[in-house]
Structures are given as structure tokens and as C-alpha cells.
């Protein structure tokens, strides 16, 4: 994005600013990129993480069951 130098009369200083239209276009472009590629990848990673967590929970519960079975004998 192009930066412009503007003078602020309130505190008599120059500031670098960007064009709001350019910023909006940039944001819309990034949103489109994320929607087209990032979401699928992100959902796959989230689902994988959830599956891994579920497997870990199942392993812990199976371990408890095994411990209970040993104690009952």
C-alpha cells in the first residue's frame, strides 16, 4: 500500500497515512484468499486436533477400564 505524508494542523506534525480505499481492497483480497484456501486447511487441522484429543481421551478411559478389571479379579 502506498503511504502518503500528511500534515496534521492540530499538533503541527507530519504523519504517514494510507488510503482507506486501498486498505479496504487489501482486506477484501485477504478475506477472499483465506476463504478460498485457508478455511479448508484450518478446518482440517482443527478436525485432526479434535480427533487426536478424542483418541487421547479414549486411551485414558480404556486405561481406567483395564485398571478396574484388574482390581475386580
N, C-alpha and C. Protein backbone atom coordinates (compact mmCIF):
# COMPACT_ATOMS: atom_id res chain seq x y z
N UNK A 1 0.83 -1.17 0.00
CA UNK A 1 0.00 0.00 0.00
C UNK A 1 0.88 1.24 0.00
N UNK A 2 0.43 2.20 -0.71
CA UNK A 2 1.16 3.45 -0.78
C UNK A 2 0.90 4.29 0.46
N UNK A 3 1.94 4.85 0.99
CA UNK A 3 1.81 5.75 2.14
C UNK A 3 1.95 7.18 1.66
N UNK A 4 1.17 8.05 2.29
CA UNK A 4 1.25 9.47 1.96
C UNK A 4 1.67 10.22 3.21
N UNK A 5 2.30 11.32 3.01
CA UNK A 5 2.69 12.18 4.13
C UNK A 5 1.68 13.31 4.21
N UNK A 6 1.02 13.43 5.37
CA UNK A 6 0.02 14.48 5.55
C UNK A 6 0.38 15.32 6.77
N UNK A 7 0.01 16.56 6.69
CA UNK A 7 0.28 17.49 7.78
C UNK A 7 -0.94 17.57 8.69
N UNK A 8 -0.73 17.37 9.98
CA UNK A 8 -1.79 17.48 10.98
C UNK A 8 -1.69 18.86 11.63
N UNK A 9 -2.69 19.69 11.36
CA UNK A 9 -2.64 21.06 11.86
C UNK A 9 -2.84 21.14 13.38
N UNK A 10 -3.50 20.17 13.95
CA UNK A 10 -3.76 20.19 15.41
C UNK A 10 -2.47 20.19 16.21
N UNK A 11 -1.57 19.28 15.87
CA UNK A 11 -0.32 19.25 16.64
C UNK A 11 0.89 19.60 15.76
N UNK A 12 0.61 20.11 14.59
CA UNK A 12 1.64 20.62 13.68
C UNK A 12 2.76 19.60 13.42
N UNK A 13 2.34 18.40 13.06
CA UNK A 13 3.31 17.36 12.71
C UNK A 13 2.88 16.68 11.42
N UNK A 14 3.85 16.05 10.79
CA UNK A 14 3.57 15.26 9.60
C UNK A 14 3.39 13.80 10.00
N UNK A 15 2.43 13.16 9.36
CA UNK A 15 2.18 11.75 9.64
C UNK A 15 2.07 10.97 8.33
N UNK A 16 2.54 9.70 8.39
CA UNK A 16 2.35 8.81 7.25
C UNK A 16 0.97 8.19 7.36
N UNK A 17 0.21 8.25 6.29
CA UNK A 17 -1.13 7.67 6.27
C UNK A 17 -1.28 6.81 5.02
N UNK A 18 -2.28 5.93 5.07
CA UNK A 18 -2.59 5.13 3.88
C UNK A 18 -4.00 5.46 3.43
N UNK A 19 -4.26 5.19 2.17
CA UNK A 19 -5.57 5.45 1.60
C UNK A 19 -6.56 4.39 2.10
N UNK A 20 -7.70 4.82 2.59
CA UNK A 20 -8.70 3.90 3.13
C UNK A 20 -9.21 2.96 2.05
N UNK A 21 -9.37 3.45 0.83
CA UNK A 21 -9.83 2.60 -0.27
C UNK A 21 -8.84 1.47 -0.52
N UNK A 22 -7.56 1.78 -0.49
CA UNK A 22 -6.53 0.76 -0.68
C UNK A 22 -6.58 -0.26 0.45
N UNK A 23 -6.79 0.23 1.66
CA UNK A 23 -6.87 -0.65 2.81
C UNK A 23 -8.06 -1.59 2.69
N UNK A 24 -9.22 -1.05 2.29
CA UNK A 24 -10.40 -1.89 2.10
C UNK A 24 -10.16 -2.95 1.04
N UNK A 25 -9.56 -2.56 -0.08
CA UNK A 25 -9.26 -3.51 -1.15
C UNK A 25 -8.31 -4.60 -0.66
N UNK A 26 -7.32 -4.21 0.11
CA UNK A 26 -6.35 -5.17 0.65
C UNK A 26 -7.05 -6.16 1.58
N UNK A 27 -7.90 -5.65 2.46
CA UNK A 27 -8.60 -6.52 3.41
C UNK A 27 -9.53 -7.48 2.67
N UNK A 28 -10.27 -6.98 1.69
CA UNK A 28 -11.17 -7.84 0.92
C UNK A 28 -10.40 -8.93 0.18
N UNK A 29 -9.25 -8.56 -0.34
CA UNK A 29 -8.41 -9.53 -1.05
C UNK A 29 -7.94 -10.62 -0.09
N UNK A 30 -7.49 -10.22 1.10
CA UNK A 30 -7.03 -11.19 2.10
C UNK A 30 -8.17 -12.10 2.54
N UNK A 31 -9.37 -11.54 2.74
CA UNK A 31 -10.53 -12.35 3.13
C UNK A 31 -10.81 -13.39 2.06
N UNK A 32 -10.78 -12.97 0.81
CA UNK A 32 -11.04 -13.90 -0.30
C UNK A 32 -9.99 -15.01 -0.33
N UNK A 33 -8.72 -14.65 -0.14
CA UNK A 33 -7.66 -15.66 -0.12
C UNK A 33 -7.88 -16.66 0.99
N UNK A 34 -8.25 -16.17 2.16
CA UNK A 34 -8.48 -17.06 3.30
C UNK A 34 -9.68 -17.95 3.04
N UNK A 35 -10.75 -17.37 2.50
CA UNK A 35 -11.94 -18.17 2.22
C UNK A 35 -11.66 -19.26 1.20
N UNK A 36 -10.83 -18.95 0.21
CA UNK A 36 -10.55 -19.91 -0.84
C UNK A 36 -9.58 -21.00 -0.43
N UNK A 37 -8.66 -20.70 0.46
CA UNK A 37 -7.66 -21.71 0.80
C UNK A 37 -7.54 -21.96 2.29
N UNK A 38 -7.48 -20.93 3.07
CA UNK A 38 -7.18 -21.05 4.49
C UNK A 38 -8.21 -21.80 5.30
N UNK A 39 -9.47 -21.65 4.98
CA UNK A 39 -10.51 -22.26 5.79
C UNK A 39 -10.44 -23.77 5.69
N UNK A 40 -10.28 -24.30 4.50
CA UNK A 40 -10.22 -25.74 4.35
C UNK A 40 -9.05 -26.31 5.13
N UNK A 41 -7.91 -25.67 5.01
CA UNK A 41 -6.73 -26.14 5.73
C UNK A 41 -6.95 -26.01 7.23
N UNK A 42 -7.51 -24.89 7.66
CA UNK A 42 -7.75 -24.67 9.09
C UNK A 42 -8.73 -25.70 9.63
N UNK A 43 -9.81 -25.98 8.90
CA UNK A 43 -10.79 -26.96 9.38
C UNK A 43 -10.17 -28.34 9.45
N UNK A 44 -9.35 -28.69 8.48
CA UNK A 44 -8.68 -29.98 8.52
C UNK A 44 -7.79 -30.08 9.76
N UNK A 45 -7.06 -29.02 10.06
CA UNK A 45 -6.19 -29.02 11.24
C UNK A 45 -7.00 -29.10 12.52
N UNK A 46 -8.11 -28.39 12.58
CA UNK A 46 -8.97 -28.41 13.76
C UNK A 46 -9.56 -29.81 13.94
N UNK A 47 -10.07 -30.38 12.86
CA UNK A 47 -10.65 -31.72 12.95
C UNK A 47 -9.60 -32.74 13.36
N UNK A 48 -8.39 -32.63 12.83
CA UNK A 48 -7.30 -33.53 13.21
C UNK A 48 -7.00 -33.40 14.70
N UNK A 49 -6.92 -32.16 15.18
CA UNK A 49 -6.65 -31.92 16.59
C UNK A 49 -7.74 -32.51 17.46
N UNK A 50 -9.00 -32.33 17.06
CA UNK A 50 -10.11 -32.88 17.83
C UNK A 50 -10.05 -34.40 17.84
N UNK A 51 -9.75 -34.99 16.69
CA UNK A 51 -9.65 -36.45 16.63
C UNK A 51 -8.53 -36.94 17.53
N UNK A 52 -7.40 -36.24 17.52
CA UNK A 52 -6.28 -36.63 18.37
C UNK A 52 -6.65 -36.51 19.85
N UNK A 53 -7.35 -35.46 20.19
CA UNK A 53 -7.77 -35.28 21.58
C UNK A 53 -8.75 -36.37 21.98
N UNK A 54 -9.68 -36.71 21.06
CA UNK A 54 -10.63 -37.77 21.34
C UNK A 54 -9.92 -39.10 21.53
N UNK A 55 -8.92 -39.38 20.71
CA UNK A 55 -8.16 -40.62 20.85
C UNK A 55 -7.46 -40.67 22.21
N UNK A 56 -6.91 -39.54 22.62
CA UNK A 56 -6.23 -39.49 23.92
C UNK A 56 -7.22 -39.73 25.05
N UNK A 57 -8.41 -39.15 24.96
CA UNK A 57 -9.43 -39.37 25.99
C UNK A 57 -9.84 -40.84 26.04
N UNK A 58 -10.01 -41.43 24.86
CA UNK A 58 -10.39 -42.84 24.80
C UNK A 58 -9.30 -43.71 25.42
N UNK A 59 -8.06 -43.41 25.15
CA UNK A 59 -6.96 -44.18 25.73
C UNK A 59 -6.96 -44.09 27.25
N UNK A 60 -7.22 -42.90 27.77
CA UNK A 60 -7.26 -42.73 29.22
C UNK A 60 -8.42 -43.54 29.81
N UNK A 61 -9.58 -43.46 29.16
CA UNK A 61 -10.73 -44.22 29.66
C UNK A 61 -10.49 -45.72 29.58
N UNK A 62 -9.86 -46.17 28.48
CA UNK A 62 -9.53 -47.59 28.37
C UNK A 62 -8.56 -48.02 29.45
N UNK A 63 -7.64 -47.17 29.78
CA UNK A 63 -6.69 -47.45 30.85
C UNK A 63 -7.41 -47.59 32.18
N UNK A 64 -8.37 -46.70 32.45
CA UNK A 64 -9.17 -46.81 33.67
C UNK A 64 -9.93 -48.13 33.70
N UNK A 65 -10.52 -48.50 32.54
CA UNK A 65 -11.27 -49.74 32.47
C UNK A 65 -10.36 -50.94 32.76
N UNK A 66 -9.18 -50.92 32.19
CA UNK A 66 -8.22 -52.00 32.43
C UNK A 66 -7.87 -52.09 33.91
N UNK A 67 -7.65 -50.93 34.54
CA UNK A 67 -7.34 -50.90 35.97
C UNK A 67 -8.49 -51.46 36.80
N UNK A 68 -9.72 -51.10 36.42
CA UNK A 68 -10.89 -51.60 37.14
C UNK A 68 -11.02 -53.12 37.00
N UNK A 69 -10.76 -53.63 35.79
CA UNK A 69 -10.87 -55.06 35.55
C UNK A 69 -9.86 -55.82 36.39
N UNK A 70 -8.66 -55.30 36.52
CA UNK A 70 -7.63 -55.95 37.31
C UNK A 70 -8.02 -55.97 38.78
N UNK A 71 -8.59 -54.88 39.27
CA UNK A 71 -8.97 -54.79 40.67
C UNK A 71 -10.14 -55.73 40.99
N UNK A 72 -11.05 -55.95 40.03
CA UNK A 72 -12.20 -56.80 40.27
C UNK A 72 -11.82 -58.27 40.40
N UNK A 73 -10.74 -58.70 39.75
CA UNK A 73 -10.36 -60.12 39.79
C UNK A 73 -9.86 -60.53 41.10
